[in-house]
PDB file of N, CA and C in Angstrom:
ATOM      1  N   MET A   1       9.501 -41.659  17.811  1.00  0.00           N
ATOM      2  CA  MET A   1       8.892 -40.459  17.234  1.00  0.00           C
ATOM      3  C   MET A   1       9.701 -39.229  17.601  1.00  0.00           C
ATOM      4  N   GLN A   2       9.698 -38.310  16.682  1.00  0.00           N
ATOM      5  CA  GLN A   2      10.432 -37.074  16.943  1.00  0.00           C
ATOM      6  C   GLN A   2       9.593 -36.151  17.817  1.00  0.00           C
ATOM      7  N   LYS A   3      10.305 -35.415  18.600  1.00  0.00           N
ATOM      8  CA  LYS A   3       9.640 -34.411  19.430  1.00  0.00           C
ATOM      9  C   LYS A   3       9.161 -33.264  18.533  1.00  0.00           C
ATOM     10  N   ASP A   4       7.954 -32.754  18.802  1.00  0.00           N
ATOM     11  CA  ASP A   4       7.434 -31.624  18.027  1.00  0.00           C
ATOM     12  C   ASP A   4       8.339 -30.419  18.223  1.00  0.00           C
ATOM     13  N   GLU A   5       8.720 -29.818  17.118  1.00  0.00           N
ATOM     14  CA  GLU A   5       9.579 -28.640  17.196  1.00  0.00           C
ATOM     15  C   GLU A   5       8.910 -27.483  16.467  1.00  0.00           C
ATOM     16  N   ASP A   6       9.046 -26.334  17.038  1.00  0.00           N
ATOM     17  CA  ASP A   6       8.519 -25.148  16.379  1.00  0.00           C
ATOM     18  C   ASP A   6       9.410 -24.803  15.192  1.00  0.00           C
ATOM     19  N   ILE A   7       8.781 -24.377  14.140  1.00  0.00           N
ATOM     20  CA  ILE A   7       9.554 -23.930  12.985  1.00  0.00           C
ATOM     21  C   ILE A   7       9.978 -22.497  13.261  1.00  0.00           C
ATOM     22  N   LEU A   8      11.252 -22.264  13.242  1.00  0.00           N
ATOM     23  CA  LEU A   8      11.762 -20.934  13.533  1.00  0.00           C
ATOM     24  C   LEU A   8      11.853 -20.128  12.231  1.00  0.00           C
ATOM     25  N   LEU A   9      11.081 -19.086  12.180  1.00  0.00           N
ATOM     26  CA  LEU A   9      11.109 -18.207  11.022  1.00  0.00           C
ATOM     27  C   LEU A   9      12.069 -17.064  11.305  1.00  0.00           C
ATOM     28  N   ASP A  10      12.294 -16.284  10.287  1.00  0.00           N
ATOM     29  CA  ASP A  10      13.132 -15.108  10.474  1.00  0.00           C
ATOM     30  C   ASP A  10      12.465 -14.212  11.514  1.00  0.00           C
ATOM     31  N   LYS A  11      13.096 -14.073  12.641  1.00  0.00           N
ATOM     32  CA  LYS A  11      12.483 -13.308  13.732  1.00  0.00           C
ATOM     33  C   LYS A  11      12.849 -11.836  13.601  1.00  0.00           C
ATOM     34  N   LYS A  12      11.853 -11.056  13.249  1.00  0.00           N
ATOM     35  CA  LYS A  12      12.035  -9.614  13.168  1.00  0.00           C
ATOM     36  C   LYS A  12      11.267  -8.992  14.321  1.00  0.00           C
ATOM     37  N   PRO A  13      11.698  -7.862  14.768  1.00  0.00           N
ATOM     38  CA  PRO A  13      10.915  -7.174  15.791  1.00  0.00           C
ATOM     39  C   PRO A  13       9.536  -6.811  15.226  1.00  0.00           C
ATOM     40  N   THR A  14       8.550  -6.829  16.073  1.00  0.00           N
ATOM     41  CA  THR A  14       7.186  -6.599  15.602  1.00  0.00           C
ATOM     42  C   THR A  14       7.028  -5.230  14.950  1.00  0.00           C
ATOM     43  N   GLU A  15       7.735  -4.230  15.414  1.00  0.00           N
ATOM     44  CA  GLU A  15       7.622  -2.900  14.803  1.00  0.00           C
ATOM     45  C   GLU A  15       8.093  -2.921  13.348  1.00  0.00           C
ATOM     46  N   GLU A  16       9.136  -3.666  13.091  1.00  0.00           N
ATOM     47  CA  GLU A  16       9.652  -3.755  11.726  1.00  0.00           C
ATOM     48  C   GLU A  16       8.651  -4.482  10.830  1.00  0.00           C
ATOM     49  N   ILE A  17       8.044  -5.524  11.348  1.00  0.00           N
ATOM     50  CA  ILE A  17       7.036  -6.265  10.581  1.00  0.00           C
ATOM     51  C   ILE A  17       5.838  -5.361  10.298  1.00  0.00           C
ATOM     52  N   LYS A  18       5.390  -4.608  11.300  1.00  0.00           N
ATOM     53  CA  LYS A  18       4.268  -3.687  11.097  1.00  0.00           C
ATOM     54  C   LYS A  18       4.600  -2.670  10.019  1.00  0.00           C
ATOM     55  N   ARG A  19       5.810  -2.133  10.080  1.00  0.00           N
ATOM     56  CA  ARG A  19       6.219  -1.124   9.087  1.00  0.00           C
ATOM     57  C   ARG A  19       6.213  -1.717   7.692  1.00  0.00           C
ATOM     58  N   ASP A  20       6.724  -2.944   7.560  1.00  0.00           N
ATOM     59  CA  ASP A  20       6.735  -3.603   6.254  1.00  0.00           C
ATOM     60  C   ASP A  20       5.316  -3.805   5.724  1.00  0.00           C
ATOM     61  N   ILE A  21       4.412  -4.233   6.594  1.00  0.00           N
ATOM     62  CA  ILE A  21       3.025  -4.462   6.176  1.00  0.00           C
ATOM     63  C   ILE A  21       2.382  -3.152   5.749  1.00  0.00           C
ATOM     64  N   ILE A  22       2.603  -2.100   6.517  1.00  0.00           N
ATOM     65  CA  ILE A  22       2.028  -0.795   6.189  1.00  0.00           C
ATOM     66  C   ILE A  22       2.568  -0.297   4.850  1.00  0.00           C
ATOM     67  N   GLN A  23       3.856  -0.485   4.608  1.00  0.00           N
ATOM     68  CA  GLN A  23       4.429  -0.058   3.333  1.00  0.00           C
ATOM     69  C   GLN A  23       3.815  -0.829   2.168  1.00  0.00           C
ATOM     70  N   CYS A  24       3.603  -2.131   2.354  1.00  0.00           N
ATOM     71  CA  CYS A  24       2.996  -2.936   1.291  1.00  0.00           C
ATOM     72  C   CYS A  24       1.570  -2.471   1.012  1.00  0.00           C
ATOM     73  N   ILE A  25       0.817  -2.185   2.066  1.00  0.00           N
ATOM     74  CA  ILE A  25      -0.563  -1.725   1.890  1.00  0.00           C
ATOM     75  C   ILE A  25      -0.577  -0.372   1.189  1.00  0.00           C
ATOM     76  N   GLU A  26       0.300   0.544   1.598  1.00  0.00           N
ATOM     77  CA  GLU A  26       0.346   1.859   0.960  1.00  0.00           C
ATOM     78  C   GLU A  26       0.706   1.746  -0.510  1.00  0.00           C
ATOM     79  N   LYS A  27       1.649   0.877  -0.830  1.00  0.00           N
ATOM     80  CA  LYS A  27       2.041   0.687  -2.224  1.00  0.00           C
ATOM     81  C   LYS A  27       0.872   0.129  -3.034  1.00  0.00           C
ATOM     82  N   TYR A  28       0.162  -0.844  -2.473  1.00  0.00           N
ATOM     83  CA  TYR A  28      -0.995  -1.440  -3.148  1.00  0.00           C
ATOM     84  C   TYR A  28      -2.067  -0.382  -3.398  1.00  0.00           C
ATOM     85  N   ILE A  29      -2.343   0.434  -2.393  1.00  0.00           N
ATOM     86  CA  ILE A  29      -3.354   1.480  -2.532  1.00  0.00           C
ATOM     87  C   ILE A  29      -2.932   2.482  -3.607  1.00  0.00           C
ATOM     88  N   ASP A  30      -1.663   2.875  -3.593  1.00  0.00           N
ATOM     89  CA  ASP A  30      -1.171   3.823  -4.599  1.00  0.00           C
ATOM     90  C   ASP A  30      -1.363   3.271  -6.003  1.00  0.00           C
ATOM     91  N   VAL A  31      -1.021   1.997  -6.187  1.00  0.00           N
ATOM     92  CA  VAL A  31      -1.114   1.386  -7.516  1.00  0.00           C
ATOM     93  C   VAL A  31      -2.576   1.273  -7.954  1.00  0.00           C
ATOM     94  N   LYS A  32      -3.442   0.844  -7.051  1.00  0.00           N
ATOM     95  CA  LYS A  32      -4.846   0.627  -7.409  1.00  0.00           C
ATOM     96  C   LYS A  32      -5.616   1.923  -7.597  1.00  0.00           C
ATOM     97  N   LEU A  33      -5.262   2.952  -6.853  1.00  0.00           N
ATOM     98  CA  LEU A  33      -6.030   4.194  -6.915  1.00  0.00           C
ATOM     99  C   LEU A  33      -5.460   5.227  -7.879  1.00  0.00           C
ATOM    100  N   GLN A  34      -4.326   4.942  -8.464  1.00  0.00           N
ATOM    101  CA  GLN A  34      -3.716   5.919  -9.370  1.00  0.00           C
ATOM    102  C   GLN A  34      -4.642   6.289 -10.539  1.00  0.00           C
ATOM    103  N   PRO A  35      -5.298   5.323 -11.180  1.00  0.00           N
ATOM    104  CA  PRO A  35      -6.225   5.708 -12.256  1.00  0.00           C
ATOM    105  C   PRO A  35      -7.351   6.615 -11.769  1.00  0.00           C
ATOM    106  N   VAL A  36      -7.848   6.378 -10.567  1.00  0.00           N
ATOM    107  CA  VAL A  36      -8.912   7.214 -10.012  1.00  0.00           C
ATOM    108  C   VAL A  36      -8.393   8.625  -9.768  1.00  0.00           C
ATOM    109  N   PHE A  37      -7.203   8.739  -9.197  1.00  0.00           N
ATOM    110  CA  PHE A  37      -6.617  10.056  -8.968  1.00  0.00           C
ATOM    111  C   PHE A  37      -6.407  10.787 -10.294  1.00  0.00           C
ATOM    112  N   ASN A  38      -5.939  10.066 -11.286  1.00  0.00           N
ATOM    113  CA  ASN A  38      -5.721  10.687 -12.593  1.00  0.00           C
ATOM    114  C   ASN A  38      -7.034  11.187 -13.183  1.00  0.00           C
ATOM    115  N   TYR A  39      -8.084  10.409 -13.041  1.00  0.00           N
ATOM    116  CA  TYR A  39      -9.400  10.800 -13.557  1.00  0.00           C
ATOM    117  C   TYR A  39      -9.858  12.107 -12.900  1.00  0.00           C
ATOM    118  N   PHE A  40      -9.778  12.156 -11.575  1.00  0.00           N
ATOM    119  CA  PHE A  40     -10.242  13.352 -10.874  1.00  0.00           C
ATOM    120  C   PHE A  40      -9.358  14.560 -11.183  1.00  0.00           C
ATOM    121  N   LYS A  41      -8.096  14.316 -11.380  1.00  0.00           N
ATOM    122  CA  LYS A  41      -7.205  15.425 -11.729  1.00  0.00           C
ATOM    123  C   LYS A  41      -7.582  15.988 -13.106  1.00  0.00           C
ATOM    124  N   LYS A  42      -7.877  15.114 -14.054  1.00  0.00           N
ATOM    125  CA  LYS A  42      -8.296  15.577 -15.371  1.00  0.00           C
ATOM    126  C   LYS A  42      -9.602  16.353 -15.278  1.00  0.00           C
ATOM    127  N   LYS A  43     -10.534  15.845 -14.488  1.00  0.00           N
ATOM    128  CA  LYS A  43     -11.815  16.537 -14.312  1.00  0.00           C
ATOM    129  C   LYS A  43     -11.592  17.919 -13.709  1.00  0.00           C
ATOM    130  N   ARG A  44     -10.767  17.981 -12.682  1.00  0.00           N
ATOM    131  CA  ARG A  44     -10.503  19.256 -12.020  1.00  0.00           C
ATOM    132  C   ARG A  44      -9.846  20.226 -12.995  1.00  0.00           C
ATOM    133  N   ASP A  45      -8.875  19.742 -13.746  1.00  0.00           N
ATOM    134  CA  ASP A  45      -8.204  20.599 -14.722  1.00  0.00           C
ATOM    135  C   ASP A  45      -9.191  21.100 -15.768  1.00  0.00           C
ATOM    136  N   PHE A  46     -10.086  20.238 -16.196  1.00  0.00           N
ATOM    137  CA  PHE A  46     -11.089  20.629 -17.186  1.00  0.00           C
ATOM    138  C   PHE A  46     -11.977  21.737 -16.631  1.00  0.00           C
ATOM    139  N   TYR A  47     -12.461  21.555 -15.407  1.00  0.00           N
ATOM    140  CA  TYR A  47     -13.333  22.567 -14.814  1.00  0.00           C
ATOM    141  C   TYR A  47     -12.584  23.861 -14.552  1.00  0.00           C
ATOM    142  N   ASP A  48     -11.324  23.762 -14.157  1.00  0.00           N
ATOM    143  CA  ASP A  48     -10.529  24.974 -13.954  1.00  0.00           C
ATOM    144  C   ASP A  48     -10.402  25.759 -15.261  1.00  0.00           C
ATOM    145  N   MET A  49     -10.186  25.050 -16.350  1.00  0.00           N
ATOM    146  CA  MET A  49     -10.049  25.707 -17.650  1.00  0.00           C
ATOM    147  C   MET A  49     -11.370  26.297 -18.121  1.00  0.00           C
ATOM    148  N   SER A  50     -12.462  25.629 -17.808  1.00  0.00           N
ATOM    149  CA  SER A  50     -13.751  26.090 -18.300  1.00  0.00           C
ATOM    150  C   SER A  50     -14.210  27.378 -17.605  1.00  0.00           C
ATOM    151  N   PHE A  51     -13.671  27.641 -16.421  1.00  0.00           N
ATOM    152  CA  PHE A  51     -14.078  28.858 -15.710  1.00  0.00           C
ATOM    153  C   PHE A  51     -13.195  30.047 -16.031  1.00  0.00           C
ATOM    154  N   LEU A  52     -12.191  29.851 -16.822  1.00  0.00           N
ATOM    155  CA  LEU A  52     -11.313  30.971 -17.164  1.00  0.00           C
ATOM    156  C   LEU A  52     -11.936  31.888 -18.173  1.00  0.00           C
TER     157      LEU A  52
END
């Protein structure tokens, strides 16, 4: 029988991995919330125009 061996993955420093994860989360949030931001921006612009 073969001796159990750990699978060696690409070893990155933990700070780099954290940064990558944070960037992915920020990108996901930006993509998912963009329609909501656009909606509120249109609403704000509408109200700004209505008070002129």
